[in-house]
Amino acid sequence: MGSGPWAYGNALSLADCVLAFSILPFQNMLYVATTENLGVTAFDPQRPFSNNPKLAAWWRHMENHPLVGQAMRDFFAESEKTLAPLIPNRSPSAYGIFIRARAPRP
């Protein structure tokens, strides 16, 4: 992370987009699998990256950007629609089966 509000430099760049959209799929799965099912918050959307103030500030900056923030919200909503039919009961074991079924075989 750079010294400014963005991942690298003083303006929104490809680095911000790559970082944000690399984190988003994991955010969704971690939140649903842990918070909804186990009662453990691995990713709290209300307080993201609470143990890393720089990353937390960057995430809030991204969420508040008019274009990027909307794209992030759209991505989250679409991934919810995609996961819902694949993992209907949203239990930890269902997530494990879903992940193992898609894991590459040696």
PDB file of N, CA and C in Angstrom:
ATOM      1  N   MET A   1       0.842  -1.183   0.000  1.00  0.00           N
ATOM      2  CA  MET A   1       0.000   0.000   0.000  1.00  0.00           C
ATOM      3  C   MET A   1       0.881   1.238   0.000  1.00  0.00           C
ATOM      4  N   GLY A   2       0.482   2.217  -0.791  1.00  0.00           N
ATOM      5  CA  GLY A   2       1.218   3.462  -0.861  1.00  0.00           C
ATOM      6  C   GLY A   2       0.896   4.371   0.314  1.00  0.00           C
ATOM      7  N   SER A   3       1.428   5.569   0.241  1.00  0.00           N
ATOM      8  CA  SER A   3       1.225   6.507   1.345  1.00  0.00           C
ATOM      9  C   SER A   3      -0.105   7.250   1.249  1.00  0.00           C
ATOM     10  N   GLY A   4      -0.694   7.283   0.064  1.00  0.00           N
ATOM     11  CA  GLY A   4      -1.963   7.985  -0.123  1.00  0.00           C
ATOM     12  C   GLY A   4      -3.151   7.081   0.146  1.00  0.00           C
ATOM     13  N   PRO A   5      -4.337   7.519  -0.276  1.00  0.00           N
ATOM     14  CA  PRO A   5      -5.543   6.738  -0.025  1.00  0.00           C
ATOM     15  C   PRO A   5      -5.715   5.553  -0.978  1.00  0.00           C
ATOM     16  N   TRP A   6      -4.921   5.486  -2.011  1.00  0.00           N
ATOM     17  CA  TRP A   6      -5.035   4.426  -3.003  1.00  0.00           C
ATOM     18  C   TRP A   6      -3.958   3.377  -2.798  1.00  0.00           C
ATOM     19  N   ALA A   7      -4.101   2.245  -3.474  1.00  0.00           N
ATOM     20  CA  ALA A   7      -3.151   1.146  -3.311  1.00  0.00           C
ATOM     21  C   ALA A   7      -1.752   1.547  -3.768  1.00  0.00           C
ATOM     22  N   TYR A   8      -1.677   2.314  -4.854  1.00  0.00           N
ATOM     23  CA  TYR A   8      -0.379   2.737  -5.377  1.00  0.00           C
ATOM     24  C   TYR A   8      -0.548   4.108  -6.005  1.00  0.00           C
ATOM     25  N   GLY A   9       0.164   5.071  -5.496  1.00  0.00           N
ATOM     26  CA  GLY A   9       0.066   6.415  -6.053  1.00  0.00           C
ATOM     27  C   GLY A   9      -1.049   7.236  -5.449  1.00  0.00           C
ATOM     28  N   ASN A  10      -1.305   8.378  -6.090  1.00  0.00           N
ATOM     29  CA  ASN A  10      -2.288   9.322  -5.568  1.00  0.00           C
ATOM     30  C   ASN A  10      -3.595   9.333  -6.346  1.00  0.00           C
ATOM     31  N   ALA A  11      -3.794   8.336  -7.205  1.00  0.00           N
ATOM     32  CA  ALA A  11      -5.029   8.263  -7.978  1.00  0.00           C
ATOM     33  C   ALA A  11      -5.450   6.805  -8.118  1.00  0.00           C
ATOM     34  N   LEU A  12      -6.723   6.606  -8.357  1.00  0.00           N
ATOM     35  CA  LEU A  12      -7.241   5.279  -8.613  1.00  0.00           C
ATOM     36  C   LEU A  12      -6.475   4.668  -9.776  1.00  0.00           C
ATOM     37  N   SER A  13      -6.060   3.414  -9.619  1.00  0.00           N
ATOM     38  CA  SER A  13      -5.296   2.759 -10.682  1.00  0.00           C
ATOM     39  C   SER A  13      -5.707   1.302 -10.811  1.00  0.00           C
ATOM     40  N   LEU A  14      -5.081   0.639 -11.755  1.00  0.00           N
ATOM     41  CA  LEU A  14      -5.333  -0.785 -11.954  1.00  0.00           C
ATOM     42  C   LEU A  14      -5.003  -1.579 -10.691  1.00  0.00           C
ATOM     43  N   ALA A  15      -4.019  -1.126  -9.931  1.00  0.00           N
ATOM     44  CA  ALA A  15      -3.647  -1.815  -8.678  1.00  0.00           C
ATOM     45  C   ALA A  15      -4.837  -1.873  -7.725  1.00  0.00           C
ATOM     46  N   ASP A  16      -5.585  -0.803  -7.626  1.00  0.00           N
ATOM     47  CA  ASP A  16      -6.766  -0.784  -6.744  1.00  0.00           C
ATOM     48  C   ASP A  16      -7.824  -1.771  -7.225  1.00  0.00           C
ATOM     49  N   CYS A  17      -8.062  -1.778  -8.524  1.00  0.00           N
ATOM     50  CA  CYS A  17      -9.088  -2.666  -9.075  1.00  0.00           C
ATOM     51  C   CYS A  17      -8.701  -4.131  -8.912  1.00  0.00           C
ATOM     52  N   VAL A  18      -7.450  -4.462  -9.182  1.00  0.00           N
ATOM     53  CA  VAL A  18      -7.004  -5.844  -9.041  1.00  0.00           C
ATOM     54  C   VAL A  18      -7.099  -6.279  -7.585  1.00  0.00           C
ATOM     55  N   LEU A  19      -6.645  -5.439  -6.678  1.00  0.00           N
ATOM     56  CA  LEU A  19      -6.688  -5.789  -5.264  1.00  0.00           C
ATOM     57  C   LEU A  19      -8.131  -5.955  -4.783  1.00  0.00           C
ATOM     58  N   ALA A  20      -8.987  -5.000  -5.106  1.00  0.00           N
ATOM     59  CA  ALA A  20     -10.380  -5.060  -4.641  1.00  0.00           C
ATOM     60  C   ALA A  20     -11.099  -6.281  -5.189  1.00  0.00           C
ATOM     61  N   PHE A  21     -10.950  -6.534  -6.477  1.00  0.00           N
ATOM     62  CA  PHE A  21     -11.698  -7.624  -7.079  1.00  0.00           C
ATOM     63  C   PHE A  21     -11.017  -8.975  -6.900  1.00  0.00           C
ATOM     64  N   SER A  22      -9.860  -8.979  -6.258  1.00  0.00           N
ATOM     65  CA  SER A  22      -9.258 -10.237  -5.795  1.00  0.00           C
ATOM     66  C   SER A  22      -9.803 -10.581  -4.416  1.00  0.00           C
ATOM     67  N   ILE A  23     -10.116  -9.567  -3.638  1.00  0.00           N
ATOM     68  CA  ILE A  23     -10.608  -9.759  -2.271  1.00  0.00           C
ATOM     69  C   ILE A  23     -12.106 -10.079  -2.244  1.00  0.00           C
ATOM     70  N   LEU A  24     -12.877  -9.484  -3.135  1.00  0.00           N
ATOM     71  CA  LEU A  24     -14.336  -9.606  -3.083  1.00  0.00           C
ATOM     72  C   LEU A  24     -14.871 -11.040  -3.071  1.00  0.00           C
ATOM     73  N   PRO A  25     -14.387 -11.964  -3.921  1.00  0.00           N
ATOM     74  CA  PRO A  25     -14.949 -13.325  -3.853  1.00  0.00           C
ATOM     75  C   PRO A  25     -14.712 -13.987  -2.494  1.00  0.00           C
ATOM     76  N   PHE A  26     -13.550 -13.747  -1.915  1.00  0.00           N
ATOM     77  CA  PHE A  26     -13.253 -14.331  -0.611  1.00  0.00           C
ATOM     78  C   PHE A  26     -14.086 -13.671   0.473  1.00  0.00           C
ATOM     79  N   GLN A  27     -14.302 -12.369   0.342  1.00  0.00           N
ATOM     80  CA  GLN A  27     -15.126 -11.656   1.316  1.00  0.00           C
ATOM     81  C   GLN A  27     -16.507 -12.291   1.388  1.00  0.00           C
ATOM     82  N   ASN A  28     -17.099 -12.528   0.255  1.00  0.00           N
ATOM     83  CA  ASN A  28     -18.443 -13.087   0.214  1.00  0.00           C
ATOM     84  C   ASN A  28     -18.483 -14.471   0.840  1.00  0.00           C
ATOM     85  N   MET A  29     -17.584 -15.347   0.427  1.00  0.00           N
ATOM     86  CA  MET A  29     -17.601 -16.711   0.953  1.00  0.00           C
ATOM     87  C   MET A  29     -17.249 -16.754   2.437  1.00  0.00           C
ATOM     88  N   LEU A  30     -16.261 -15.959   2.851  1.00  0.00           N
ATOM     89  CA  LEU A  30     -15.897 -15.940   4.266  1.00  0.00           C
ATOM     90  C   LEU A  30     -17.042 -15.434   5.125  1.00  0.00           C
ATOM     91  N   TYR A  31     -17.685 -14.383   4.676  1.00  0.00           N
ATOM     92  CA  TYR A  31     -18.767 -13.806   5.461  1.00  0.00           C
ATOM     93  C   TYR A  31     -19.910 -14.802   5.624  1.00  0.00           C
ATOM     94  N   VAL A  32     -20.340 -15.401   4.523  1.00  0.00           N
ATOM     95  CA  VAL A  32     -21.468 -16.318   4.575  1.00  0.00           C
ATOM     96  C   VAL A  32     -21.102 -17.587   5.336  1.00  0.00           C
ATOM     97  N   ALA A  33     -19.956 -18.177   5.012  1.00  0.00           N
ATOM     98  CA  ALA A  33     -19.585 -19.461   5.619  1.00  0.00           C
ATOM     99  C   ALA A  33     -19.306 -19.342   7.111  1.00  0.00           C
ATOM    100  N   THR A  34     -18.721 -18.242   7.535  1.00  0.00           N
ATOM    101  CA  THR A  34     -18.355 -18.142   8.945  1.00  0.00           C
ATOM    102  C   THR A  34     -19.399 -17.402   9.768  1.00  0.00           C
ATOM    103  N   THR A  35     -19.817 -16.239   9.334  1.00  0.00           N
ATOM    104  CA  THR A  35     -20.721 -15.431  10.140  1.00  0.00           C
ATOM    105  C   THR A  35     -22.105 -16.053  10.215  1.00  0.00           C
ATOM    106  N   GLU A  36     -22.649 -16.452   9.056  1.00  0.00           N
ATOM    107  CA  GLU A  36     -24.003 -17.008   9.052  1.00  0.00           C
ATOM    108  C   GLU A  36     -24.061 -18.387   9.691  1.00  0.00           C
ATOM    109  N   ASN A  37     -23.007 -19.181   9.513  1.00  0.00           N
ATOM    110  CA  ASN A  37     -23.085 -20.575   9.918  1.00  0.00           C
ATOM    111  C   ASN A  37     -22.339 -20.918  11.199  1.00  0.00           C
ATOM    112  N   LEU A  38     -21.233 -20.283  11.443  1.00  0.00           N
ATOM    113  CA  LEU A  38     -20.418 -20.648  12.596  1.00  0.00           C
ATOM    114  C   LEU A  38     -20.452 -19.614  13.714  1.00  0.00           C
ATOM    115  N   GLY A  39     -20.968 -18.436  13.425  1.00  0.00           N
ATOM    116  CA  GLY A  39     -20.990 -17.388  14.427  1.00  0.00           C
ATOM    117  C   GLY A  39     -19.629 -16.745  14.649  1.00  0.00           C
ATOM    118  N   VAL A  40     -18.678 -17.013  13.764  1.00  0.00           N
ATOM    119  CA  VAL A  40     -17.340 -16.424  13.832  1.00  0.00           C
ATOM    120  C   VAL A  40     -17.212 -15.460  12.674  1.00  0.00           C
ATOM    121  N   THR A  41     -16.768 -14.264  12.934  1.00  0.00           N
ATOM    122  CA  THR A  41     -16.670 -13.275  11.872  1.00  0.00           C
ATOM    123  C   THR A  41     -15.257 -13.246  11.304  1.00  0.00           C
ATOM    124  N   ALA A  42     -15.089 -13.893  10.142  1.00  0.00           N
ATOM    125  CA  ALA A  42     -13.793 -13.866   9.453  1.00  0.00           C
ATOM    126  C   ALA A  42     -13.663 -12.587   8.639  1.00  0.00           C
ATOM    127  N   PHE A  43     -14.781 -12.085   8.145  1.00  0.00           N
ATOM    128  CA  PHE A  43     -14.784 -10.816   7.418  1.00  0.00           C
ATOM    129  C   PHE A  43     -16.043 -10.085   7.800  1.00  0.00           C
ATOM    130  N   ASP A  44     -15.890  -8.974   8.471  1.00  0.00           N
ATOM    131  CA  ASP A  44     -17.027  -8.179   8.912  1.00  0.00           C
ATOM    132  C   ASP A  44     -17.198  -7.010   7.954  1.00  0.00           C
ATOM    133  N   PRO A  45     -18.247  -7.007   7.118  1.00  0.00           N
ATOM    134  CA  PRO A  45     -18.414  -5.914   6.168  1.00  0.00           C
ATOM    135  C   PRO A  45     -18.628  -4.553   6.827  1.00  0.00           C
ATOM    136  N   GLN A  46     -19.054  -4.549   8.089  1.00  0.00           N
ATOM    137  CA  GLN A  46     -19.222  -3.283   8.799  1.00  0.00           C
ATOM    138  C   GLN A  46     -17.886  -2.730   9.307  1.00  0.00           C
ATOM    139  N   ARG A  47     -16.929  -3.633   9.558  1.00  0.00           N
ATOM    140  CA  ARG A  47     -15.605  -3.227  10.036  1.00  0.00           C
ATOM    141  C   ARG A  47     -14.527  -4.036   9.297  1.00  0.00           C
ATOM    142  N   PRO A  48     -14.425  -3.845   7.970  1.00  0.00           N
ATOM    143  CA  PRO A  48     -13.471  -4.656   7.210  1.00  0.00           C
ATOM    144  C   PRO A  48     -12.035  -4.356   7.584  1.00  0.00           C
ATOM    145  N   PHE A  49     -11.244  -5.388   7.671  1.00  0.00           N
ATOM    146  CA  PHE A  49      -9.801  -5.284   7.945  1.00  0.00           C
ATOM    147  C   PHE A  49      -9.521  -4.482   9.211  1.00  0.00           C
ATOM    148  N   SER A  50     -10.278  -4.742  10.251  1.00  0.00           N
ATOM    149  CA  SER A  50     -10.152  -3.969  11.491  1.00  0.00           C
ATOM    150  C   SER A  50      -8.770  -4.093  12.130  1.00  0.00           C
ATOM    151  N   ASN A  51      -8.033  -5.143  11.796  1.00  0.00           N
ATOM    152  CA  ASN A  51      -6.687  -5.286  12.365  1.00  0.00           C
ATOM    153  C   ASN A  51      -5.605  -4.635  11.506  1.00  0.00           C
ATOM    154  N   ASN A  52      -5.993  -3.989  10.410  1.00  0.00           N
ATOM    155  CA  ASN A  52      -5.042  -3.316   9.535  1.00  0.00           C
ATOM    156  C   ASN A  52      -5.616  -1.955   9.143  1.00  0.00           C
ATOM    157  N   PRO A  53      -5.297  -0.899   9.883  1.00  0.00           N
ATOM    158  CA  PRO A  53      -5.907   0.413   9.642  1.00  0.00           C
ATOM    159  C   PRO A  53      -5.686   0.956   8.225  1.00  0.00           C
ATOM    160  N   LYS A  54      -4.521   0.735   7.649  1.00  0.00           N
ATOM    161  CA  LYS A  54      -4.238   1.236   6.301  1.00  0.00           C
ATOM    162  C   LYS A  54      -5.136   0.546   5.269  1.00  0.00           C
ATOM    163  N   LEU A  55      -5.230  -0.769   5.371  1.00  0.00           N
ATOM    164  CA  LEU A  55      -6.077  -1.523   4.452  1.00  0.00           C
ATOM    165  C   LEU A  55      -7.551  -1.197   4.678  1.00  0.00           C
ATOM    166  N   ALA A  56      -7.944  -1.011   5.921  1.00  0.00           N
ATOM    167  CA  ALA A  56      -9.335  -0.650   6.239  1.00  0.00           C
ATOM    168  C   ALA A  56      -9.692   0.714   5.644  1.00  0.00           C
ATOM    169  N   ALA A  57      -8.778   1.675   5.749  1.00  0.00           N
ATOM    170  CA  ALA A  57      -9.022   3.013   5.192  1.00  0.00           C
ATOM    171  C   ALA A  57      -9.124   2.938   3.663  1.00  0.00           C
ATOM    172  N   TRP A  58      -8.256   2.143   3.044  1.00  0.00           N
ATOM    173  CA  TRP A  58      -8.306   1.984   1.596  1.00  0.00           C
ATOM    174  C   TRP A  58      -9.634   1.348   1.178  1.00  0.00           C
ATOM    175  N   TRP A  59     -10.069   0.299   1.901  1.00  0.00           N
ATOM    176  CA  TRP A  59     -11.324  -0.376   1.575  1.00  0.00           C
ATOM    177  C   TRP A  59     -12.501   0.590   1.652  1.00  0.00           C
ATOM    178  N   ARG A  60     -12.558   1.404   2.716  1.00  0.00           N
ATOM    179  CA  ARG A  60     -13.630   2.400   2.842  1.00  0.00           C
ATOM    180  C   ARG A  60     -13.565   3.403   1.695  1.00  0.00           C
ATOM    181  N   HIS A  61     -12.345   3.799   1.326  1.00  0.00           N
ATOM    182  CA  HIS A  61     -12.148   4.734   0.221  1.00  0.00           C
ATOM    183  C   HIS A  61     -12.701   4.125  -1.073  1.00  0.00           C
ATOM    184  N   MET A  62     -12.428   2.839  -1.287  1.00  0.00           N
ATOM    185  CA  MET A  62     -12.928   2.156  -2.484  1.00  0.00           C
ATOM    186  C   MET A  62     -14.455   2.066  -2.452  1.00  0.00           C
ATOM    187  N   GLU A  63     -15.026   1.703  -1.328  1.00  0.00           N
ATOM    188  CA  GLU A  63     -16.483   1.581  -1.216  1.00  0.00           C
ATOM    189  C   GLU A  63     -17.183   2.915  -1.469  1.00  0.00           C
ATOM    190  N   ASN A  64     -16.543   4.025  -1.089  1.00  0.00           N
ATOM    191  CA  ASN A  64     -17.152   5.339  -1.236  1.00  0.00           C
ATOM    192  C   ASN A  64     -16.934   5.968  -2.604  1.00  0.00           C
ATOM    193  N   HIS A  65     -16.063   5.377  -3.411  1.00  0.00           N
ATOM    194  CA  HIS A  65     -15.844   5.886  -4.770  1.00  0.00           C
ATOM    195  C   HIS A  65     -17.112   5.599  -5.578  1.00  0.00           C
ATOM    196  N   PRO A  66     -17.640   6.595  -6.305  1.00  0.00           N
ATOM    197  CA  PRO A  66     -18.925   6.386  -6.983  1.00  0.00           C
ATOM    198  C   PRO A  66     -18.927   5.217  -7.979  1.00  0.00           C
ATOM    199  N   LEU A  67     -17.926   5.097  -8.783  1.00  0.00           N
ATOM    200  CA  LEU A  67     -17.891   4.046  -9.795  1.00  0.00           C
ATOM    201  C   LEU A  67     -17.444   2.701  -9.214  1.00  0.00           C
ATOM    202  N   VAL A  68     -16.336   2.698  -8.494  1.00  0.00           N
ATOM    203  CA  VAL A  68     -15.788   1.454  -7.952  1.00  0.00           C
ATOM    204  C   VAL A  68     -16.705   0.889  -6.865  1.00  0.00           C
ATOM    205  N   GLY A  69     -17.214   1.749  -6.011  1.00  0.00           N
ATOM    206  CA  GLY A  69     -18.108   1.289  -4.951  1.00  0.00           C
ATOM    207  C   GLY A  69     -19.339   0.602  -5.515  1.00  0.00           C
ATOM    208  N   GLN A  70     -19.911   1.170  -6.571  1.00  0.00           N
ATOM    209  CA  GLN A  70     -21.082   0.544  -7.195  1.00  0.00           C
ATOM    210  C   GLN A  70     -20.704  -0.791  -7.827  1.00  0.00           C
ATOM    211  N   ALA A  71     -19.547  -0.852  -8.466  1.00  0.00           N
ATOM    212  CA  ALA A  71     -19.095  -2.115  -9.069  1.00  0.00           C
ATOM    213  C   ALA A  71     -18.884  -3.178  -7.988  1.00  0.00           C
ATOM    214  N   MET A  72     -18.357  -2.775  -6.835  1.00  0.00           N
ATOM    215  CA  MET A  72     -18.161  -3.725  -5.739  1.00  0.00           C
ATOM    216  C   MET A  72     -19.499  -4.246  -5.228  1.00  0.00           C
ATOM    217  N   ARG A  73     -20.475  -3.349  -5.066  1.00  0.00           N
ATOM    218  CA  ARG A  73     -21.807  -3.756  -4.599  1.00  0.00           C
ATOM    219  C   ARG A  73     -22.476  -4.677  -5.622  1.00  0.00           C
ATOM    220  N   ASP A  74     -22.318  -4.352  -6.915  1.00  0.00           N
ATOM    221  CA  ASP A  74     -22.891  -5.192  -7.970  1.00  0.00           C
ATOM    222  C   ASP A  74     -22.240  -6.577  -7.968  1.00  0.00           C
ATOM    223  N   PHE A  75     -20.926  -6.620  -7.796  1.00  0.00           N
ATOM    224  CA  PHE A  75     -20.206  -7.890  -7.765  1.00  0.00           C
ATOM    225  C   PHE A  75     -20.716  -8.753  -6.615  1.00  0.00           C
ATOM    226  N   PHE A  76     -20.868  -8.155  -5.446  1.00  0.00           N
ATOM    227  CA  PHE A  76     -21.345  -8.888  -4.273  1.00  0.00           C
ATOM    228  C   PHE A  76     -22.752  -9.427  -4.516  1.00  0.00           C
ATOM    229  N   ALA A  77     -23.629  -8.594  -5.070  1.00  0.00           N
ATOM    230  CA  ALA A  77     -25.011  -9.020  -5.327  1.00  0.00           C
ATOM    231  C   ALA A  77     -25.058 -10.148  -6.356  1.00  0.00           C
ATOM    232  N   GLU A  78     -24.267 -10.030  -7.412  1.00  0.00           N
ATOM    233  CA  GLU A  78     -24.257 -11.069  -8.442  1.00  0.00           C
ATOM    234  C   GLU A  78     -23.664 -12.372  -7.919  1.00  0.00           C
ATOM    235  N   SER A  79     -22.639 -12.273  -7.080  1.00  0.00           N
ATOM    236  CA  SER A  79     -22.049 -13.504  -6.538  1.00  0.00           C
ATOM    237  C   SER A  79     -23.032 -14.178  -5.586  1.00  0.00           C
ATOM    238  N   GLU A  80     -23.832 -13.399  -4.879  1.00  0.00           N
ATOM    239  CA  GLU A  80     -24.882 -13.976  -4.035  1.00  0.00           C
ATOM    240  C   GLU A  80     -25.871 -14.761  -4.892  1.00  0.00           C
ATOM    241  N   LYS A  81     -26.268 -14.185  -6.034  1.00  0.00           N
ATOM    242  CA  LYS A  81     -27.208 -14.866  -6.926  1.00  0.00           C
ATOM    243  C   LYS A  81     -26.603 -16.145  -7.485  1.00  0.00           C
ATOM    244  N   THR A  82     -25.295 -16.115  -7.754  1.00  0.00           N
ATOM    245  CA  THR A  82     -24.617 -17.284  -8.315  1.00  0.00           C
ATOM    246  C   THR A  82     -24.474 -18.384  -7.277  1.00  0.00           C
ATOM    247  N   LEU A  83     -24.103 -18.018  -6.051  1.00  0.00           N
ATOM    248  CA  LEU A  83     -23.880 -19.018  -5.013  1.00  0.00           C
ATOM    249  C   LEU A  83     -25.172 -19.624  -4.474  1.00  0.00           C
ATOM    250  N   ALA A  84     -26.234 -18.865  -4.454  1.00  0.00           N
ATOM    251  CA  ALA A  84     -27.485 -19.337  -3.848  1.00  0.00           C
ATOM    252  C   ALA A  84     -27.952 -20.685  -4.407  1.00  0.00           C
ATOM    253  N   PRO A  85     -28.025 -20.869  -5.732  1.00  0.00           N
ATOM    254  CA  PRO A  85     -28.483 -22.180  -6.214  1.00  0.00           C
ATOM    255  C   PRO A  85     -27.433 -23.284  -6.061  1.00  0.00           C
ATOM    256  N   LEU A  86     -26.159 -22.911  -6.032  1.00  0.00           N
ATOM    257  CA  LEU A  86     -25.096 -23.904  -5.911  1.00  0.00           C
ATOM    258  C   LEU A  86     -24.955 -24.425  -4.488  1.00  0.00           C
ATOM    259  N   ILE A  87     -25.196 -23.553  -3.528  1.00  0.00           N
ATOM    260  CA  ILE A  87     -25.055 -23.916  -2.119  1.00  0.00           C
ATOM    261  C   ILE A  87     -26.343 -23.507  -1.409  1.00  0.00           C
ATOM    262  N   PRO A  88     -27.425 -24.257  -1.617  1.00  0.00           N
ATOM    263  CA  PRO A  88     -28.714 -23.819  -1.101  1.00  0.00           C
ATOM    264  C   PRO A  88     -28.827 -23.769   0.414  1.00  0.00           C
ATOM    265  N   ASN A  89     -28.202 -24.709   1.132  1.00  0.00           N
ATOM    266  CA  ASN A  89     -28.382 -24.681   2.587  1.00  0.00           C
ATOM    267  C   ASN A  89     -27.314 -23.850   3.289  1.00  0.00           C
ATOM    268  N   ARG A  90     -26.288 -23.394   2.580  1.00  0.00           N
ATOM    269  CA  ARG A  90     -25.263 -22.477   3.070  1.00  0.00           C
ATOM    270  C   ARG A  90     -24.633 -22.928   4.386  1.00  0.00           C
ATOM    271  N   SER A  91     -24.431 -24.206   4.532  1.00  0.00           N
ATOM    272  CA  SER A  91     -23.780 -24.730   5.730  1.00  0.00           C
ATOM    273  C   SER A  91     -22.288 -24.881   5.477  1.00  0.00           C
ATOM    274  N   PRO A  92     -21.477 -24.949   6.546  1.00  0.00           N
ATOM    275  CA  PRO A  92     -20.034 -25.137   6.344  1.00  0.00           C
ATOM    276  C   PRO A  92     -19.718 -26.404   5.555  1.00  0.00           C
ATOM    277  N   SER A  93     -20.447 -27.493   5.804  1.00  0.00           N
ATOM    278  CA  SER A  93     -20.166 -28.728   5.057  1.00  0.00           C
ATOM    279  C   SER A  93     -20.524 -28.561   3.589  1.00  0.00           C
ATOM    280  N   ALA A  94     -21.594 -27.816   3.286  1.00  0.00           N
ATOM    281  CA  ALA A  94     -21.958 -27.577   1.889  1.00  0.00           C
ATOM    282  C   ALA A  94     -20.864 -26.783   1.190  1.00  0.00           C
ATOM    283  N   TYR A  95     -20.285 -25.803   1.878  1.00  0.00           N
ATOM    284  CA  TYR A  95     -19.187 -25.042   1.286  1.00  0.00           C
ATOM    285  C   TYR A  95     -17.985 -25.947   1.048  1.00  0.00           C
ATOM    286  N   GLY A  96     -17.698 -26.835   1.981  1.00  0.00           N
ATOM    287  CA  GLY A  96     -16.569 -27.752   1.816  1.00  0.00           C
ATOM    288  C   GLY A  96     -16.756 -28.650   0.610  1.00  0.00           C
ATOM    289  N   ILE A  97     -17.962 -29.169   0.428  1.00  0.00           N
ATOM    290  CA  ILE A  97     -18.262 -30.016  -0.725  1.00  0.00           C
ATOM    291  C   ILE A  97     -18.138 -29.208  -2.009  1.00  0.00           C
ATOM    292  N   PHE A  98     -18.654 -28.001  -2.015  1.00  0.00           N
ATOM    293  CA  PHE A  98     -18.600 -27.127  -3.186  1.00  0.00           C
ATOM    294  C   PHE A  98     -17.147 -26.846  -3.577  1.00  0.00           C
ATOM    295  N   ILE A  99     -16.310 -26.532  -2.605  1.00  0.00           N
ATOM    296  CA  ILE A  99     -14.901 -26.205  -2.878  1.00  0.00           C
ATOM    297  C   ILE A  99     -14.144 -27.446  -3.324  1.00  0.00           C
ATOM    298  N   ARG A 100     -14.339 -28.569  -2.636  1.00  0.00           N
ATOM    299  CA  ARG A 100     -13.629 -29.802  -3.017  1.00  0.00           C
ATOM    300  C   ARG A 100     -14.026 -30.261  -4.425  1.00  0.00           C
ATOM    301  N   ALA A 101     -15.280 -30.088  -4.791  1.00  0.00           N
ATOM    302  CA  ALA A 101     -15.739 -30.521  -6.115  1.00  0.00           C
ATOM    303  C   ALA A 101     -15.070 -29.728  -7.228  1.00  0.00           C
ATOM    304  N   ARG A 102     -14.643 -28.520  -6.934  1.00  0.00           N
ATOM    305  CA  ARG A 102     -14.035 -27.671  -7.944  1.00  0.00           C
ATOM    306  C   ARG A 102     -12.512 -27.595  -7.834  1.00  0.00           C
ATOM    307  N   ALA A 103     -11.957 -28.276  -6.858  1.00  0.00           N
ATOM    308  CA  ALA A 103     -10.500 -28.245  -6.657  1.00  0.00           C
ATOM    309  C   ALA A 103      -9.821 -29.094  -7.731  1.00  0.00           C
ATOM    310  N   PRO A 104      -8.675 -28.629  -8.218  1.00  0.00           N
ATOM    311  CA  PRO A 104      -7.956 -29.428  -9.223  1.00  0.00           C
ATOM    312  C   PRO A 104      -7.475 -30.741  -8.625  1.00  0.00           C
ATOM    313  N   ARG A 105      -7.511 -31.768  -9.399  1.00  0.00           N
ATOM    314  CA  ARG A 105      -7.062 -33.096  -8.979  1.00  0.00           C
ATOM    315  C   ARG A 105      -5.606 -33.294  -9.393  1.00  0.00           C
ATOM    316  N   PRO A 106      -4.791 -33.911  -8.512  1.00  0.00           N
ATOM    317  CA  PRO A 106      -3.386 -34.153  -8.888  1.00  0.00           C
ATOM    318  C   PRO A 106      -3.255 -35.246  -9.919  1.00  0.00           C
TER     319      PRO A 106
END
